[in-house]
Amino acid sequence: MHTVWKGAISFGLVHVPVKMFSATEDKDISMRYVHKVCGSPLSYVRKCPVCEKEVEWEEISKGYEYEKGKFVLFEKEELEQLSDQNNKNITILDFVDLNEIDPIYFQKTYYLSPDQAGSNAYMLLMEAMRQSGKIGIAKISIRSKSSLAAIRVLDKCLAIETIFYPDEIRPVSQVPNLPETAIVNDKEMDMAKMLIEQLSTPFDPEKYTDDYRVALLQLIQNKVSGEEVKIAPARQETNVIDLMAALQASIEAVKPMVTDAGKPKRKRSGSTKVEGAGVESSIKPKPRAPSKNKKTVS
């Protein structure tokens, strides 16, 4: 792994030298813009519209537009001075319970490993946090950007997750068209909770895959191999306008079936998507006789 940051964790008077490594990687497939006529990749040029010439990196500085067309300029050294006091130190401010932090605050996860002779202090902090069940809220500066962060124990490693500051979270009140009051039919509520219960399972990240990336990689391989590529038309979905019918169909689709060992097992026989009611299942329900009182549109 490539070291992205090097410094120390401090809590109280304890100093823990650490190195930081990215815990995640972006697996998006990178595409470039290409000239259709000749197939050449396009390049981007840093050009000044006033001087009408390309600008070299040494001629570039950062600026803040305080009014339309008016900038204040900053040298690299000026901006570095603002973060120098913190950029080599992860300062733990408080210890809190993880369940007190809403997931909306989390940004990116990094691993921390002990650096130099910091193994003893690293193990002490990790085990103390593990036994107390607490996580640390800290401040860190990465690449001149100050962030809040949460330090927690992950397996046999300390992990740090950058989190947004409160004023970076947009309030829910800004979301348009939210219903002011909830009017819910009792029977629909009972069936919805029954469906949630039947679909509930321990979280297993290994069963989730990026289907788009897999399909795109296959499409790329086909094109490289010179194969003719045909895209199958999308299957037309059926819109069910009756919420109760949608819930009932979904519940029927996930009813447990008894295995040879006598243990219930959830059906996994196909794919069903019920539109119009906001209910989606990856199970194909049994055919049902059409109801005289229910109407569907296709």
C-alpha atoms as a PDB file:
ATOM      1  CA  MET A   1       0.000   0.000   0.000  1.00  0.00           C
ATOM      2  CA  HIS A   2       1.096   3.554  -0.701  1.00  0.00           C
ATOM      3  CA  THR A   3       1.528   5.845   2.327  1.00  0.00           C
ATOM      4  CA  VAL A   4      -0.755   8.862   1.878  1.00  0.00           C
ATOM      5  CA  TRP A   5       0.031  10.620   5.174  1.00  0.00           C
ATOM      6  CA  LYS A   6       2.510  10.334   7.998  1.00  0.00           C
ATOM      7  CA  GLY A   7       2.217  11.828  11.469  1.00  0.00           C
ATOM      8  CA  ALA A   8       0.938  10.911  14.910  1.00  0.00           C
ATOM      9  CA  ILE A   9      -2.206  10.426  16.972  1.00  0.00           C
ATOM     10  CA  SER A  10      -2.295  12.409  20.190  1.00  0.00           C
ATOM     11  CA  PHE A  11      -4.754  11.961  23.040  1.00  0.00           C
ATOM     12  CA  GLY A  12      -3.958  13.649  26.304  1.00  0.00           C
ATOM     13  CA  LEU A  13      -0.180  13.467  26.618  1.00  0.00           C
ATOM     14  CA  VAL A  14       0.087  10.188  24.691  1.00  0.00           C
ATOM     15  CA  HIS A  15       1.774  10.392  21.275  1.00  0.00           C
ATOM     16  CA  VAL A  16       1.313   7.546  18.753  1.00  0.00           C
ATOM     17  CA  PRO A  17       3.384   7.758  15.518  1.00  0.00           C
ATOM     18  CA  VAL A  18       1.354   6.386  12.600  1.00  0.00           C
ATOM     19  CA  LYS A  19       1.270   6.012   8.826  1.00  0.00           C
ATOM     20  CA  MET A  20      -1.965   6.330   6.858  1.00  0.00           C
ATOM     21  CA  PHE A  21      -3.105   4.178   3.915  1.00  0.00           C
ATOM     22  CA  SER A  22      -6.275   4.380   1.800  1.00  0.00           C
ATOM     23  CA  ALA A  23      -8.706   1.663   2.873  1.00  0.00           C
ATOM     24  CA  THR A  24     -10.785   1.860  -0.311  1.00  0.00           C
ATOM     25  CA  GLU A  25     -10.100   2.138  -4.020  1.00  0.00           C
ATOM     26  CA  ASP A  26     -12.137   3.610  -6.823  1.00  0.00           C
ATOM     27  CA  LYS A  27     -12.873   0.892  -9.386  1.00  0.00           C
ATOM     28  CA  ASP A  28     -14.833   3.096 -11.778  1.00  0.00           C
ATOM     29  CA  ILE A  29     -13.769   2.385 -15.356  1.00  0.00           C
ATOM     30  CA  SER A  30     -12.019   5.450 -16.733  1.00  0.00           C
ATOM     31  CA  MET A  31     -13.062   6.728 -20.144  1.00  0.00           C
ATOM     32  CA  ARG A  32     -11.352   9.402 -22.257  1.00  0.00           C
ATOM     33  CA  TYR A  33     -12.860  11.808 -24.753  1.00  0.00           C
ATOM     34  CA  VAL A  34     -11.821  10.810 -28.288  1.00  0.00           C
ATOM     35  CA  HIS A  35     -12.129  12.630 -31.613  1.00  0.00           C
ATOM     36  CA  LYS A  36     -14.622  10.555 -33.618  1.00  0.00           C
ATOM     37  CA  VAL A  37     -13.087  11.579 -36.941  1.00  0.00           C
ATOM     38  CA  CYS A  38      -9.532  10.296 -36.386  1.00  0.00           C
ATOM     39  CA  GLY A  39      -9.753   8.399 -33.085  1.00  0.00           C
ATOM     40  CA  SER A  40      -7.214  10.578 -31.262  1.00  0.00           C
ATOM     41  CA  PRO A  41      -7.653  11.225 -27.527  1.00  0.00           C
ATOM     42  CA  LEU A  42      -8.365  14.868 -26.727  1.00  0.00           C
ATOM     43  CA  SER A  43      -6.000  16.862 -24.539  1.00  0.00           C
ATOM     44  CA  TYR A  44      -6.783  19.700 -22.170  1.00  0.00           C
ATOM     45  CA  VAL A  45      -4.760  22.893 -22.383  1.00  0.00           C
ATOM     46  CA  ARG A  46      -4.348  25.532 -19.660  1.00  0.00           C
ATOM     47  CA  LYS A  47      -4.905  28.655 -21.743  1.00  0.00           C
ATOM     48  CA  CYS A  48      -5.315  32.277 -20.658  1.00  0.00           C
ATOM     49  CA  PRO A  49      -8.224  33.845 -22.592  1.00  0.00           C
ATOM     50  CA  VAL A  50      -6.704  37.358 -22.266  1.00  0.00           C
ATOM     51  CA  CYS A  51      -3.057  36.628 -23.116  1.00  0.00           C
ATOM     52  CA  GLU A  52      -4.179  33.986 -25.633  1.00  0.00           C
ATOM     53  CA  LYS A  53      -1.361  31.612 -24.775  1.00  0.00           C
ATOM     54  CA  GLU A  54      -0.789  28.366 -22.900  1.00  0.00           C
ATOM     55  CA  VAL A  55       0.131  28.839 -19.236  1.00  0.00           C
ATOM     56  CA  GLU A  56       2.885  26.846 -17.543  1.00  0.00           C
ATOM     57  CA  TRP A  57       2.447  25.499 -14.013  1.00  0.00           C
ATOM     58  CA  GLU A  58       5.014  27.919 -12.552  1.00  0.00           C
ATOM     59  CA  GLU A  59       2.847  30.815 -13.750  1.00  0.00           C
ATOM     60  CA  ILE A  60      -0.264  29.566 -11.952  1.00  0.00           C
ATOM     61  CA  SER A  61      -1.441  30.549  -8.470  1.00  0.00           C
ATOM     62  CA  LYS A  62      -4.702  30.000  -6.604  1.00  0.00           C
ATOM     63  CA  GLY A  63      -7.266  32.756  -6.302  1.00  0.00           C
ATOM     64  CA  TYR A  64     -10.608  33.406  -4.627  1.00  0.00           C
ATOM     65  CA  GLU A  65     -13.311  35.261  -6.590  1.00  0.00           C
ATOM     66  CA  TYR A  66     -14.830  37.634  -4.014  1.00  0.00           C
ATOM     67  CA  GLU A  67     -16.746  39.582  -6.688  1.00  0.00           C
ATOM     68  CA  LYS A  68     -17.538  38.805 -10.314  1.00  0.00           C
ATOM     69  CA  GLY A  69     -14.200  38.984 -12.133  1.00  0.00           C
ATOM     70  CA  LYS A  70     -12.241  40.118  -9.032  1.00  0.00           C
ATOM     71  CA  PHE A  71      -9.798  37.761  -7.322  1.00  0.00           C
ATOM     72  CA  VAL A  72      -7.450  37.758  -4.374  1.00  0.00           C
ATOM     73  CA  LEU A  73      -4.373  35.620  -5.072  1.00  0.00           C
ATOM     74  CA  PHE A  74      -2.541  33.254  -2.729  1.00  0.00           C
ATOM     75  CA  GLU A  75       0.914  31.788  -2.914  1.00  0.00           C
ATOM     76  CA  LYS A  76       1.385  28.108  -2.105  1.00  0.00           C
ATOM     77  CA  GLU A  77       3.394  28.969   1.029  1.00  0.00           C
ATOM     78  CA  GLU A  78       0.588  31.158   2.402  1.00  0.00           C
ATOM     79  CA  LEU A  79      -1.933  28.337   2.241  1.00  0.00           C
ATOM     80  CA  GLU A  80       0.516  25.794   3.668  1.00  0.00           C
ATOM     81  CA  GLN A  81       1.102  27.984   6.742  1.00  0.00           C
ATOM     82  CA  LEU A  82      -2.586  27.760   7.649  1.00  0.00           C
ATOM     83  CA  SER A  83      -2.418  23.979   8.016  1.00  0.00           C
ATOM     84  CA  ASP A  84       1.185  23.469   9.197  1.00  0.00           C
ATOM     85  CA  GLN A  85       0.217  23.402  12.861  1.00  0.00           C
ATOM     86  CA  ASN A  86      -2.075  20.400  12.369  1.00  0.00           C
ATOM     87  CA  ASN A  87      -0.967  18.532   9.260  1.00  0.00           C
ATOM     88  CA  LYS A  88       1.322  16.147  11.166  1.00  0.00           C
ATOM     89  CA  ASN A  89      -0.941  15.467  14.081  1.00  0.00           C
ATOM     90  CA  ILE A  90      -4.276  13.675  14.560  1.00  0.00           C
ATOM     91  CA  THR A  91      -5.646  15.282  17.708  1.00  0.00           C
ATOM     92  CA  ILE A  92      -8.380  13.295  19.452  1.00  0.00           C
ATOM     93  CA  LEU A  93     -10.851  15.758  20.935  1.00  0.00           C
ATOM     94  CA  ASP A  94     -13.479  13.413  22.422  1.00  0.00           C
ATOM     95  CA  PHE A  95     -14.437   9.760  22.736  1.00  0.00           C
ATOM     96  CA  VAL A  96     -18.040   8.897  21.776  1.00  0.00           C
ATOM     97  CA  ASP A  97     -20.257   5.938  20.868  1.00  0.00           C
ATOM     98  CA  LEU A  98     -20.250   5.025  17.175  1.00  0.00           C
ATOM     99  CA  ASN A  99     -24.048   4.732  17.036  1.00  0.00           C
ATOM    100  CA  GLU A 100     -24.302   8.431  17.909  1.00  0.00           C
ATOM    101  CA  ILE A 101     -22.917   9.410  14.483  1.00  0.00           C
ATOM    102  CA  ASP A 102     -25.324   9.411  11.546  1.00  0.00           C
ATOM    103  CA  PRO A 103     -23.819   7.763   8.405  1.00  0.00           C
ATOM    104  CA  ILE A 104     -24.416  10.994   6.437  1.00  0.00           C
ATOM    105  CA  TYR A 105     -21.291  12.429   8.098  1.00  0.00           C
ATOM    106  CA  PHE A 106     -18.836   9.799   6.833  1.00  0.00           C
ATOM    107  CA  GLN A 107     -16.586  10.518   3.835  1.00  0.00           C
ATOM    108  CA  LYS A 108     -13.532   8.281   3.248  1.00  0.00           C
ATOM    109  CA  THR A 109     -11.848   5.540   5.241  1.00  0.00           C
ATOM    110  CA  TYR A 110      -8.104   5.095   5.831  1.00  0.00           C
ATOM    111  CA  TYR A 111      -6.056   2.502   7.723  1.00  0.00           C
ATOM    112  CA  LEU A 112      -3.521   3.555  10.331  1.00  0.00           C
ATOM    113  CA  SER A 113      -0.428   1.516  11.142  1.00  0.00           C
ATOM    114  CA  PRO A 114       2.209   2.139  13.832  1.00  0.00           C
ATOM    115  CA  ASP A 115       5.294   3.992  12.645  1.00  0.00           C
ATOM    116  CA  GLN A 116       8.857   3.592  13.931  1.00  0.00           C
ATOM    117  CA  ALA A 117       8.826   2.728  17.647  1.00  0.00           C
ATOM    118  CA  GLY A 118       5.117   3.426  18.131  1.00  0.00           C
ATOM    119  CA  SER A 119       3.846  -0.164  18.317  1.00  0.00           C
ATOM    120  CA  ASN A 120       3.334  -0.218  22.106  1.00  0.00           C
ATOM    121  CA  ALA A 121       1.408   3.053  22.188  1.00  0.00           C
ATOM    122  CA  TYR A 122      -0.578   1.959  19.110  1.00  0.00           C
ATOM    123  CA  MET A 123      -1.602  -1.331  20.749  1.00  0.00           C
ATOM    124  CA  LEU A 124      -2.450   0.443  24.002  1.00  0.00           C
ATOM    125  CA  LEU A 125      -4.789   2.902  22.246  1.00  0.00           C
ATOM    126  CA  MET A 126      -6.397   0.185  20.122  1.00  0.00           C
ATOM    127  CA  GLU A 127      -7.087  -2.176  23.012  1.00  0.00           C
ATOM    128  CA  ALA A 128      -8.313   0.620  25.285  1.00  0.00           C
ATOM    129  CA  MET A 129     -10.786   1.702  22.588  1.00  0.00           C
ATOM    130  CA  ARG A 130     -11.843  -1.892  21.917  1.00  0.00           C
ATOM    131  CA  GLN A 131     -12.545  -2.613  25.586  1.00  0.00           C
ATOM    132  CA  SER A 132     -14.291   0.702  26.202  1.00  0.00           C
ATOM    133  CA  GLY A 133     -16.401   0.399  23.049  1.00  0.00           C
ATOM    134  CA  LYS A 134     -15.661   4.028  22.194  1.00  0.00           C
ATOM    135  CA  ILE A 135     -14.399   5.757  19.055  1.00  0.00           C
ATOM    136  CA  GLY A 136     -12.304   8.914  18.934  1.00  0.00           C
ATOM    137  CA  ILE A 137     -13.402  12.187  17.306  1.00  0.00           C
ATOM    138  CA  ALA A 138     -10.317  13.962  16.007  1.00  0.00           C
ATOM    139  CA  LYS A 139      -9.069  16.755  13.785  1.00  0.00           C
ATOM    140  CA  ILE A 140      -6.693  16.062  10.896  1.00  0.00           C
ATOM    141  CA  SER A 141      -5.314  18.031   7.965  1.00  0.00           C
ATOM    142  CA  ILE A 142      -4.780  16.067   4.733  1.00  0.00           C
ATOM    143  CA  ARG A 143      -3.401  17.829   1.655  1.00  0.00           C
ATOM    144  CA  SER A 144      -4.022  21.249   3.250  1.00  0.00           C
ATOM    145  CA  LYS A 145      -7.682  20.453   3.954  1.00  0.00           C
ATOM    146  CA  SER A 146      -8.823  20.314   7.561  1.00  0.00           C
ATOM    147  CA  SER A 147     -11.311  17.594   8.440  1.00  0.00           C
ATOM    148  CA  LEU A 148     -13.058  16.056  11.367  1.00  0.00           C
ATOM    149  CA  ALA A 149     -12.407  12.340  11.654  1.00  0.00           C
ATOM    150  CA  ALA A 150     -13.565   9.286  13.556  1.00  0.00           C
ATOM    151  CA  ILE A 151     -10.923   6.805  14.769  1.00  0.00           C
ATOM    152  CA  ARG A 152     -12.171   3.304  15.485  1.00  0.00           C
ATOM    153  CA  VAL A 153     -10.971  -0.267  15.822  1.00  0.00           C
ATOM    154  CA  LEU A 154     -11.411  -2.410  12.709  1.00  0.00           C
ATOM    155  CA  ASP A 155     -10.326  -6.024  13.237  1.00  0.00           C
ATOM    156  CA  LYS A 156      -6.689  -5.720  14.393  1.00  0.00           C
ATOM    157  CA  CYS A 157      -6.170  -2.245  12.982  1.00  0.00           C
ATOM    158  CA  LEU A 158      -7.030   1.363  13.764  1.00  0.00           C
ATOM    159  CA  ALA A 159      -9.099   2.982  11.013  1.00  0.00           C
ATOM    160  CA  ILE A 160      -9.792   6.669  10.571  1.00  0.00           C
ATOM    161  CA  GLU A 161     -12.775   7.992   8.639  1.00  0.00           C
ATOM    162  CA  THR A 162     -12.953  11.624   7.607  1.00  0.00           C
ATOM    163  CA  ILE A 163     -16.343  13.150   8.377  1.00  0.00           C
ATOM    164  CA  PHE A 164     -18.101  16.318   7.300  1.00  0.00           C
ATOM    165  CA  TYR A 165     -18.370  19.339   9.564  1.00  0.00           C
ATOM    166  CA  PRO A 166     -21.977  20.053  10.638  1.00  0.00           C
ATOM    167  CA  ASP A 167     -22.256  23.153   8.425  1.00  0.00           C
ATOM    168  CA  GLU A 168     -21.354  20.995   5.389  1.00  0.00           C
ATOM    169  CA  ILE A 169     -24.510  18.891   5.835  1.00  0.00           C
ATOM    170  CA  ARG A 170     -27.513  20.354   4.051  1.00  0.00           C
ATOM    171  CA  PRO A 171     -30.625  20.458   6.250  1.00  0.00           C
ATOM    172  CA  VAL A 172     -33.473  18.103   5.385  1.00  0.00           C
ATOM    173  CA  SER A 173     -35.794  21.119   5.354  1.00  0.00           C
ATOM    174  CA  GLN A 174     -34.275  22.066   1.958  1.00  0.00           C
ATOM    175  CA  VAL A 175     -35.546  18.870   0.328  1.00  0.00           C
ATOM    176  CA  PRO A 176     -38.636  19.729  -1.777  1.00  0.00           C
ATOM    177  CA  ASN A 177     -42.006  17.968  -1.757  1.00  0.00           C
ATOM    178  CA  LEU A 178     -41.598  16.123   1.545  1.00  0.00           C
ATOM    179  CA  PRO A 179     -44.974  15.125   3.066  1.00  0.00           C
ATOM    180  CA  GLU A 180     -45.802  17.123   6.191  1.00  0.00           C
ATOM    181  CA  THR A 181     -47.915  14.431   7.831  1.00  0.00           C
ATOM    182  CA  ALA A 182     -47.851  10.651   7.500  1.00  0.00           C
ATOM    183  CA  ILE A 183     -51.237   9.084   6.718  1.00  0.00           C
ATOM    184  CA  VAL A 184     -50.762   5.320   6.671  1.00  0.00           C
ATOM    185  CA  ASN A 185     -53.314   2.555   6.343  1.00  0.00           C
ATOM    186  CA  ASP A 186     -52.978   0.132   9.288  1.00  0.00           C
ATOM    187  CA  LYS A 187     -53.234  -2.989   7.116  1.00  0.00           C
ATOM    188  CA  GLU A 188     -50.667  -1.661   4.677  1.00  0.00           C
ATOM    189  CA  MET A 189     -48.371  -0.846   7.605  1.00  0.00           C
ATOM    190  CA  ASP A 190     -48.679  -4.382   9.013  1.00  0.00           C
ATOM    191  CA  MET A 191     -47.890  -5.913   5.631  1.00  0.00           C
ATOM    192  CA  ALA A 192     -44.971  -3.533   5.034  1.00  0.00           C
ATOM    193  CA  LYS A 193     -43.443  -4.470   8.398  1.00  0.00           C
ATOM    194  CA  MET A 194     -44.015  -8.160   7.634  1.00  0.00           C
ATOM    195  CA  LEU A 195     -42.197  -7.726   4.306  1.00  0.00           C
ATOM    196  CA  ILE A 196     -39.280  -5.933   6.018  1.00  0.00           C
ATOM    197  CA  GLU A 197     -39.047  -8.739   8.564  1.00  0.00           C
ATOM    198  CA  GLN A 198     -38.997 -11.438   5.881  1.00  0.00           C
ATOM    199  CA  LEU A 199     -36.329  -9.570   3.893  1.00  0.00           C
ATOM    200  CA  SER A 200     -34.162  -8.945   6.958  1.00  0.00           C
ATOM    201  CA  THR A 201     -30.830 -10.779   7.019  1.00  0.00           C
ATOM    202  CA  PRO A 202     -27.331 -10.298   8.467  1.00  0.00           C
ATOM    203  CA  PHE A 203     -25.265  -7.905   6.341  1.00  0.00           C
ATOM    204  CA  ASP A 204     -22.968  -9.825   3.986  1.00  0.00           C
ATOM    205  CA  PRO A 205     -21.066  -7.405   1.697  1.00  0.00           C
ATOM    206  CA  GLU A 206     -19.698 -10.289  -0.397  1.00  0.00           C
ATOM    207  CA  LYS A 207     -23.073 -10.931  -2.008  1.00  0.00           C
ATOM    208  CA  TYR A 208     -23.282  -7.472  -3.575  1.00  0.00           C
ATOM    209  CA  THR A 209     -21.566  -6.781  -6.902  1.00  0.00           C
ATOM    210  CA  ASP A 210     -21.262  -3.820  -9.260  1.00  0.00           C
ATOM    211  CA  ASP A 211     -23.325  -5.245 -12.121  1.00  0.00           C
ATOM    212  CA  TYR A 212     -22.744  -2.182 -14.307  1.00  0.00           C
ATOM    213  CA  ARG A 213     -18.952  -2.447 -14.048  1.00  0.00           C
ATOM    214  CA  VAL A 214     -19.042  -6.186 -14.828  1.00  0.00           C
ATOM    215  CA  ALA A 215     -21.234  -5.589 -17.883  1.00  0.00           C
ATOM    216  CA  LEU A 216     -19.082  -2.666 -19.066  1.00  0.00           C
ATOM    217  CA  LEU A 217     -15.879  -4.713 -18.774  1.00  0.00           C
ATOM    218  CA  GLN A 218     -17.513  -7.479 -20.821  1.00  0.00           C
ATOM    219  CA  LEU A 219     -18.637  -4.935 -23.411  1.00  0.00           C
ATOM    220  CA  ILE A 220     -15.083  -3.529 -23.611  1.00  0.00           C
ATOM    221  CA  GLN A 221     -13.650  -7.048 -24.053  1.00  0.00           C
ATOM    222  CA  ASN A 222     -16.166  -7.792 -26.807  1.00  0.00           C
ATOM    223  CA  LYS A 223     -15.234  -4.614 -28.674  1.00  0.00           C
ATOM    224  CA  VAL A 224     -11.506  -5.274 -28.288  1.00  0.00           C
ATOM    225  CA  SER A 225     -12.055  -8.786 -29.677  1.00  0.00           C
ATOM    226  CA  GLY A 226     -13.926  -7.353 -32.666  1.00  0.00           C
ATOM    227  CA  GLU A 227     -17.211  -9.048 -31.819  1.00  0.00           C
ATOM    228  CA  GLU A 228     -20.488  -7.546 -32.921  1.00  0.00           C
ATOM    229  CA  VAL A 229     -22.142  -6.032 -29.882  1.00  0.00           C
ATOM    230  CA  LYS A 230     -25.912  -6.119 -29.550  1.00  0.00           C
ATOM    231  CA  ILE A 231     -27.740  -4.635 -26.611  1.00  0.00           C
ATOM    232  CA  ALA A 232     -30.804  -6.591 -25.523  1.00  0.00           C
ATOM    233  CA  PRO A 233     -33.916  -4.425 -25.133  1.00  0.00           C
ATOM    234  CA  ALA A 234     -34.891  -3.667 -21.564  1.00  0.00           C
ATOM    235  CA  ARG A 235     -37.688  -5.788 -20.144  1.00  0.00           C
ATOM    236  CA  GLN A 236     -40.911  -3.863 -19.801  1.00  0.00           C
ATOM    237  CA  GLU A 237     -42.033  -3.557 -16.221  1.00  0.00           C
ATOM    238  CA  THR A 238     -45.601  -3.864 -15.042  1.00  0.00           C
ATOM    239  CA  ASN A 239     -46.893  -0.980 -12.978  1.00  0.00           C
ATOM    240  CA  VAL A 240     -49.056  -2.146 -10.093  1.00  0.00           C
ATOM    241  CA  ILE A 241     -51.184   0.739  -8.923  1.00  0.00           C
ATOM    242  CA  ASP A 242     -52.660  -1.085  -5.921  1.00  0.00           C
ATOM    243  CA  LEU A 243     -50.319  -0.791  -2.908  1.00  0.00           C
ATOM    244  CA  MET A 244     -51.939  -3.714  -1.062  1.00  0.00           C
ATOM    245  CA  ALA A 245     -51.519  -5.947  -4.121  1.00  0.00           C
ATOM    246  CA  ALA A 246     -47.865  -4.936  -4.390  1.00  0.00           C
ATOM    247  CA  LEU A 247     -47.226  -5.708  -0.717  1.00  0.00           C
ATOM    248  CA  GLN A 248     -49.070  -9.031  -0.890  1.00  0.00           C
ATOM    249  CA  ALA A 249     -47.164 -10.096  -4.009  1.00  0.00           C
ATOM    250  CA  SER A 250     -43.857  -9.163  -2.389  1.00  0.00           C
ATOM    251  CA  ILE A 251     -44.653 -11.080   0.817  1.00  0.00           C
ATOM    252  CA  GLU A 252     -45.684 -14.162  -1.181  1.00  0.00           C
ATOM    253  CA  ALA A 253     -42.401 -13.924  -3.061  1.00  0.00           C
ATOM    254  CA  VAL A 254     -40.234 -14.106   0.047  1.00  0.00           C
ATOM    255  CA  LYS A 255     -42.189 -16.568   2.179  1.00  0.00           C
ATOM    256  CA  PRO A 256     -39.774 -19.114   3.684  1.00  0.00           C
ATOM    257  CA  MET A 257     -39.990 -22.642   2.323  1.00  0.00           C
ATOM    258  CA  VAL A 258     -39.134 -25.727   4.355  1.00  0.00           C
ATOM    259  CA  THR A 259     -35.920 -27.506   3.323  1.00  0.00           C
ATOM    260  CA  ASP A 260     -35.146 -31.218   3.612  1.00  0.00           C
ATOM    261  CA  ALA A 261     -33.548 -30.530   6.973  1.00  0.00           C
ATOM    262  CA  GLY A 262     -36.752 -28.957   8.205  1.00  0.00           C
ATOM    263  CA  LYS A 263     -35.258 -25.460   8.334  1.00  0.00           C
ATOM    264  CA  PRO A 264     -36.984 -22.523   6.654  1.00  0.00           C
ATOM    265  CA  LYS A 265     -35.210 -21.137   3.611  1.00  0.00           C
ATOM    266  CA  ARG A 266     -36.041 -18.002   1.706  1.00  0.00           C
ATOM    267  CA  LYS A 267     -36.959 -18.438  -1.962  1.00  0.00           C
ATOM    268  CA  ARG A 268     -34.377 -17.211  -4.484  1.00  0.00           C
ATOM    269  CA  SER A 269     -35.886 -18.253  -7.805  1.00  0.00           C
ATOM    270  CA  GLY A 270     -35.766 -15.173  -9.986  1.00  0.00           C
ATOM    271  CA  SER A 271     -36.355 -11.463 -10.121  1.00  0.00           C
ATOM    272  CA  THR A 272     -39.487  -9.441  -9.563  1.00  0.00           C
ATOM    273  CA  LYS A 273     -39.822  -5.700  -9.443  1.00  0.00           C
ATOM    274  CA  VAL A 274     -43.095  -4.136  -8.417  1.00  0.00           C
ATOM    275  CA  GLU A 275     -43.362  -0.591  -9.735  1.00  0.00           C
ATOM    276  CA  GLY A 276     -45.644   2.182  -8.604  1.00  0.00           C
ATOM    277  CA  ALA A 277     -45.670   1.100  -4.977  1.00  0.00           C
ATOM    278  CA  GLY A 278     -42.025   1.625  -4.100  1.00  0.00           C
ATOM    279  CA  VAL A 279     -41.510  -2.086  -3.321  1.00  0.00           C
ATOM    280  CA  GLU A 280     -38.742  -4.086  -4.971  1.00  0.00           C
ATOM    281  CA  SER A 281     -37.825  -7.732  -4.539  1.00  0.00           C
ATOM    282  CA  SER A 282     -35.232  -9.990  -6.137  1.00  0.00           C
ATOM    283  CA  ILE A 283     -37.640 -12.949  -5.954  1.00  0.00           C
ATOM    284  CA  LYS A 284     -40.084 -14.158  -8.563  1.00  0.00           C
ATOM    285  CA  PRO A 285     -43.554 -14.700  -7.014  1.00  0.00           C
ATOM    286  CA  LYS A 286     -45.827 -17.636  -7.765  1.00  0.00           C
ATOM    287  CA  PRO A 287     -48.460 -16.993 -10.478  1.00  0.00           C
ATOM    288  CA  ARG A 288     -51.650 -15.722  -8.884  1.00  0.00           C
ATOM    289  CA  ALA A 289     -55.156 -15.768 -10.233  1.00  0.00           C
ATOM    290  CA  PRO A 290     -56.234 -12.261 -11.299  1.00  0.00           C
ATOM    291  CA  SER A 291     -58.419 -10.549  -8.738  1.00  0.00           C
ATOM    292  CA  LYS A 292     -61.743  -9.153  -9.838  1.00  0.00           C
ATOM    293  CA  ASN A 293     -61.270  -6.132  -7.596  1.00  0.00           C
ATOM    294  CA  LYS A 294     -57.669  -5.230  -8.596  1.00  0.00           C
ATOM    295  CA  LYS A 295     -56.688  -3.345 -11.705  1.00  0.00           C
ATOM    296  CA  THR A 296     -53.283  -3.278 -13.283  1.00  0.00           C
ATOM    297  CA  VAL A 297     -51.822  -1.227 -16.079  1.00  0.00           C
ATOM    298  CA  SER A 298     -48.978  -2.265 -18.296  1.00  0.00           C
END
